[in-house]
Amino acid sequence: MKESYEFVAIFNYAEDGISISFPDLPGVFSSAETTEEAIKNANEVLGLVLYDMEMDKKKIPESTPLENIKCAKNEKTVLVNVWMPLVRNELDEQAVKKTLTIPQWLNKLAEAHNVNFSKLLQTALKEYLKIKRVL
């Protein structure tokens, strides 16, 4: 896996805002109201899509050189760079809500002892899986 990727985004300026697309990644879109927001959103959506492609072991295409992209009058090209270690860390550490079932008597006893269920489950899972450090 690469540490960073650069892809060309096309910002399409219209009266109702900015549409963002990536010529090398069909189906990847975002939008914004300002150029600053468009840059932020383009970076975010690109990171999410590339992370998903990495996790699904899909081939990530090469980026078309900026000078080879043709734009309409109301469009601008923007080179978007994503630093993947930051994206991977943020998404891998993202909390996931799990629903579980325990007997009512055990729940009452645990609540009476101010048990932090999330922390206890994480600790128990790490011990069970023999994880000594955070991955």
C-alpha atoms as a PDB file:
ATOM      1  CA  MET A   1       0.000   0.000   0.000  1.00  0.00           C
ATOM      2  CA  LYS A   2       1.239   3.432  -0.896  1.00  0.00           C
ATOM      3  CA  GLU A   3       1.668   6.176   1.658  1.00  0.00           C
ATOM      4  CA  SER A   4       0.124   8.867  -0.509  1.00  0.00           C
ATOM      5  CA  TYR A   5      -1.929   9.272  -3.648  1.00  0.00           C
ATOM      6  CA  GLU A   6      -2.585  12.245  -5.896  1.00  0.00           C
ATOM      7  CA  PHE A   7      -5.630  12.484  -8.106  1.00  0.00           C
ATOM      8  CA  VAL A   8      -7.053  15.265 -10.205  1.00  0.00           C
ATOM      9  CA  ALA A   9     -10.433  16.560  -9.095  1.00  0.00           C
ATOM     10  CA  ILE A  10     -12.656  18.687 -11.279  1.00  0.00           C
ATOM     11  CA  PHE A  11     -14.527  21.468  -9.502  1.00  0.00           C
ATOM     12  CA  ASN A  12     -17.632  22.412 -11.463  1.00  0.00           C
ATOM     13  CA  TYR A  13     -18.844  25.858 -10.392  1.00  0.00           C
ATOM     14  CA  ALA A  14     -22.584  26.488 -10.705  1.00  0.00           C
ATOM     15  CA  GLU A  15     -25.063  28.903  -9.122  1.00  0.00           C
ATOM     16  CA  ASP A  16     -26.103  26.322  -6.543  1.00  0.00           C
ATOM     17  CA  GLY A  17     -22.568  25.334  -5.468  1.00  0.00           C
ATOM     18  CA  ILE A  18     -19.547  23.322  -6.501  1.00  0.00           C
ATOM     19  CA  SER A  19     -19.748  19.753  -7.772  1.00  0.00           C
ATOM     20  CA  ILE A  20     -16.595  17.678  -7.332  1.00  0.00           C
ATOM     21  CA  SER A  21     -15.674  14.696  -9.507  1.00  0.00           C
ATOM     22  CA  PHE A  22     -12.564  12.609 -10.162  1.00  0.00           C
ATOM     23  CA  PRO A  23     -11.992  11.639 -13.824  1.00  0.00           C
ATOM     24  CA  ASP A  24      -9.914   8.586 -12.844  1.00  0.00           C
ATOM     25  CA  LEU A  25     -12.441   7.363 -10.264  1.00  0.00           C
ATOM     26  CA  PRO A  26     -15.868   7.093 -11.898  1.00  0.00           C
ATOM     27  CA  GLY A  27     -18.740   7.384  -9.463  1.00  0.00           C
ATOM     28  CA  VAL A  28     -16.766   9.352  -6.875  1.00  0.00           C
ATOM     29  CA  PHE A  29     -18.472  12.693  -6.239  1.00  0.00           C
ATOM     30  CA  SER A  30     -18.834  15.331  -3.594  1.00  0.00           C
ATOM     31  CA  SER A  31     -20.073  18.893  -3.380  1.00  0.00           C
ATOM     32  CA  ALA A  32     -19.477  22.124  -1.527  1.00  0.00           C
ATOM     33  CA  GLU A  33     -20.511  25.758  -1.326  1.00  0.00           C
ATOM     34  CA  THR A  34     -17.038  27.349  -1.270  1.00  0.00           C
ATOM     35  CA  THR A  35     -13.693  26.490  -2.832  1.00  0.00           C
ATOM     36  CA  GLU A  36     -12.152  25.954   0.615  1.00  0.00           C
ATOM     37  CA  GLU A  37     -14.938  23.529   1.536  1.00  0.00           C
ATOM     38  CA  ALA A  38     -14.585  21.818  -1.858  1.00  0.00           C
ATOM     39  CA  ILE A  39     -10.868  21.201  -1.251  1.00  0.00           C
ATOM     40  CA  LYS A  40     -11.628  19.736   2.192  1.00  0.00           C
ATOM     41  CA  ASN A  41     -14.475  17.573   0.854  1.00  0.00           C
ATOM     42  CA  ALA A  42     -12.439  16.376  -2.133  1.00  0.00           C
ATOM     43  CA  ASN A  43      -9.633  15.300   0.186  1.00  0.00           C
ATOM     44  CA  GLU A  44     -12.053  13.543   2.522  1.00  0.00           C
ATOM     45  CA  VAL A  45     -13.977  11.635  -0.152  1.00  0.00           C
ATOM     46  CA  LEU A  46     -10.771  10.654  -1.942  1.00  0.00           C
ATOM     47  CA  GLY A  47      -9.304   9.272   1.291  1.00  0.00           C
ATOM     48  CA  LEU A  48     -12.457   7.284   2.062  1.00  0.00           C
ATOM     49  CA  VAL A  49     -12.696   5.818  -1.442  1.00  0.00           C
ATOM     50  CA  LEU A  50      -9.012   4.870  -1.600  1.00  0.00           C
ATOM     51  CA  TYR A  51      -9.190   3.301   1.872  1.00  0.00           C
ATOM     52  CA  ASP A  52     -12.191   1.204   0.792  1.00  0.00           C
ATOM     53  CA  MET A  53     -10.382   0.176  -2.397  1.00  0.00           C
ATOM     54  CA  GLU A  54      -7.338  -0.872  -0.369  1.00  0.00           C
ATOM     55  CA  MET A  55      -9.457  -2.868   2.085  1.00  0.00           C
ATOM     56  CA  ASP A  56     -11.300  -4.578  -0.791  1.00  0.00           C
ATOM     57  CA  LYS A  57      -7.935  -5.236  -2.503  1.00  0.00           C
ATOM     58  CA  LYS A  58      -9.118  -3.400  -5.629  1.00  0.00           C
ATOM     59  CA  LYS A  59      -6.581  -2.018  -8.071  1.00  0.00           C
ATOM     60  CA  ILE A  60      -6.165   1.720  -7.633  1.00  0.00           C
ATOM     61  CA  PRO A  61      -5.725   3.337 -11.051  1.00  0.00           C
ATOM     62  CA  GLU A  62      -2.893   5.659 -11.989  1.00  0.00           C
ATOM     63  CA  SER A  63      -3.820   9.309 -11.958  1.00  0.00           C
ATOM     64  CA  THR A  64      -4.088  11.122 -15.275  1.00  0.00           C
ATOM     65  CA  PRO A  65      -1.561  13.970 -15.466  1.00  0.00           C
ATOM     66  CA  LEU A  66      -3.116  17.346 -14.655  1.00  0.00           C
ATOM     67  CA  GLU A  67      -2.188  18.792 -18.065  1.00  0.00           C
ATOM     68  CA  ASN A  68      -4.167  16.019 -19.827  1.00  0.00           C
ATOM     69  CA  ILE A  69      -7.488  16.966 -18.213  1.00  0.00           C
ATOM     70  CA  LYS A  70      -9.776  19.198 -20.268  1.00  0.00           C
ATOM     71  CA  CYS A  71     -12.233  21.480 -18.491  1.00  0.00           C
ATOM     72  CA  ALA A  72     -15.273  23.512 -19.422  1.00  0.00           C
ATOM     73  CA  LYS A  73     -15.369  27.277 -18.747  1.00  0.00           C
ATOM     74  CA  ASN A  74     -17.024  26.833 -15.352  1.00  0.00           C
ATOM     75  CA  GLU A  75     -14.590  24.103 -14.239  1.00  0.00           C
ATOM     76  CA  LYS A  76     -11.170  24.045 -12.611  1.00  0.00           C
ATOM     77  CA  THR A  77      -8.769  21.186 -11.995  1.00  0.00           C
ATOM     78  CA  VAL A  78      -7.374  20.679  -8.522  1.00  0.00           C
ATOM     79  CA  LEU A  79      -4.653  18.210  -7.605  1.00  0.00           C
ATOM     80  CA  VAL A  80      -5.776  16.410  -4.430  1.00  0.00           C
ATOM     81  CA  ASN A  81      -3.177  14.631  -2.321  1.00  0.00           C
ATOM     82  CA  VAL A  82      -4.143  12.153   0.382  1.00  0.00           C
ATOM     83  CA  TRP A  83      -1.692  10.967   3.067  1.00  0.00           C
ATOM     84  CA  MET A  84      -2.978   7.428   3.660  1.00  0.00           C
ATOM     85  CA  PRO A  85      -1.341   6.623   7.044  1.00  0.00           C
ATOM     86  CA  LEU A  86      -3.460   9.417   8.546  1.00  0.00           C
ATOM     87  CA  VAL A  87      -6.627   8.204   6.779  1.00  0.00           C
ATOM     88  CA  ARG A  88      -6.011   4.556   7.731  1.00  0.00           C
ATOM     89  CA  ASN A  89      -5.365   5.420  11.363  1.00  0.00           C
ATOM     90  CA  GLU A  90      -8.468   7.591  11.612  1.00  0.00           C
ATOM     91  CA  LEU A  91     -10.739   4.981  10.020  1.00  0.00           C
ATOM     92  CA  ASP A  92      -9.213   1.986  11.809  1.00  0.00           C
ATOM     93  CA  GLU A  93      -9.692   3.730  15.176  1.00  0.00           C
ATOM     94  CA  GLN A  94     -13.258   4.767  14.388  1.00  0.00           C
ATOM     95  CA  ALA A  95     -15.673   3.475  17.010  1.00  0.00           C
ATOM     96  CA  VAL A  96     -18.209   0.883  15.895  1.00  0.00           C
ATOM     97  CA  LYS A  97     -21.454   0.460  17.775  1.00  0.00           C
ATOM     98  CA  LYS A  98     -22.209  -3.152  18.717  1.00  0.00           C
ATOM     99  CA  THR A  99     -25.439  -4.430  20.190  1.00  0.00           C
ATOM    100  CA  LEU A 100     -25.126  -7.252  22.671  1.00  0.00           C
ATOM    101  CA  THR A 101     -27.312  -9.137  25.111  1.00  0.00           C
ATOM    102  CA  ILE A 102     -26.539  -9.966  28.738  1.00  0.00           C
ATOM    103  CA  PRO A 103     -28.808 -11.172  31.567  1.00  0.00           C
ATOM    104  CA  GLN A 104     -30.676  -8.385  33.348  1.00  0.00           C
ATOM    105  CA  TRP A 105     -29.257  -9.320  36.768  1.00  0.00           C
ATOM    106  CA  LEU A 106     -25.699  -9.008  35.397  1.00  0.00           C
ATOM    107  CA  ASN A 107     -26.484  -5.645  33.812  1.00  0.00           C
ATOM    108  CA  LYS A 108     -27.900  -4.303  37.095  1.00  0.00           C
ATOM    109  CA  LEU A 109     -24.882  -5.509  39.056  1.00  0.00           C
ATOM    110  CA  ALA A 110     -22.445  -4.033  36.508  1.00  0.00           C
ATOM    111  CA  GLU A 111     -24.269  -0.678  36.481  1.00  0.00           C
ATOM    112  CA  ALA A 112     -24.249  -0.641  40.307  1.00  0.00           C
ATOM    113  CA  HIS A 113     -20.453  -0.961  40.091  1.00  0.00           C
ATOM    114  CA  ASN A 114     -20.196   1.776  37.407  1.00  0.00           C
ATOM    115  CA  VAL A 115     -18.787  -0.635  34.823  1.00  0.00           C
ATOM    116  CA  ASN A 116     -17.744   0.998  31.548  1.00  0.00           C
ATOM    117  CA  PHE A 117     -19.132  -1.658  29.175  1.00  0.00           C
ATOM    118  CA  SER A 118     -17.206  -0.405  26.120  1.00  0.00           C
ATOM    119  CA  LYS A 119     -13.864  -0.375  27.908  1.00  0.00           C
ATOM    120  CA  LEU A 120     -14.480  -3.779  29.513  1.00  0.00           C
ATOM    121  CA  LEU A 121     -15.471  -5.356  26.196  1.00  0.00           C
ATOM    122  CA  GLN A 122     -12.408  -3.894  24.458  1.00  0.00           C
ATOM    123  CA  THR A 123     -10.124  -5.180  27.215  1.00  0.00           C
ATOM    124  CA  ALA A 124     -11.743  -8.624  27.169  1.00  0.00           C
ATOM    125  CA  LEU A 125     -11.511  -8.860  23.359  1.00  0.00           C
ATOM    126  CA  LYS A 126      -7.830  -7.862  23.405  1.00  0.00           C
ATOM    127  CA  GLU A 127      -7.094 -10.477  26.063  1.00  0.00           C
ATOM    128  CA  TYR A 128      -9.100 -13.142  24.231  1.00  0.00           C
ATOM    129  CA  LEU A 129      -7.359 -12.362  20.930  1.00  0.00           C
ATOM    130  CA  LYS A 130      -3.968 -12.129  22.676  1.00  0.00           C
ATOM    131  CA  ILE A 131      -3.430  -8.545  21.525  1.00  0.00           C
ATOM    132  CA  LYS A 132      -0.742  -6.851  23.568  1.00  0.00           C
ATOM    133  CA  ARG A 133      -0.845  -3.492  21.809  1.00  0.00           C
ATOM    134  CA  VAL A 134      -3.226  -1.339  19.818  1.00  0.00           C
ATOM    135  CA  LEU A 135      -3.115  -2.237  16.130  1.00  0.00           C
END
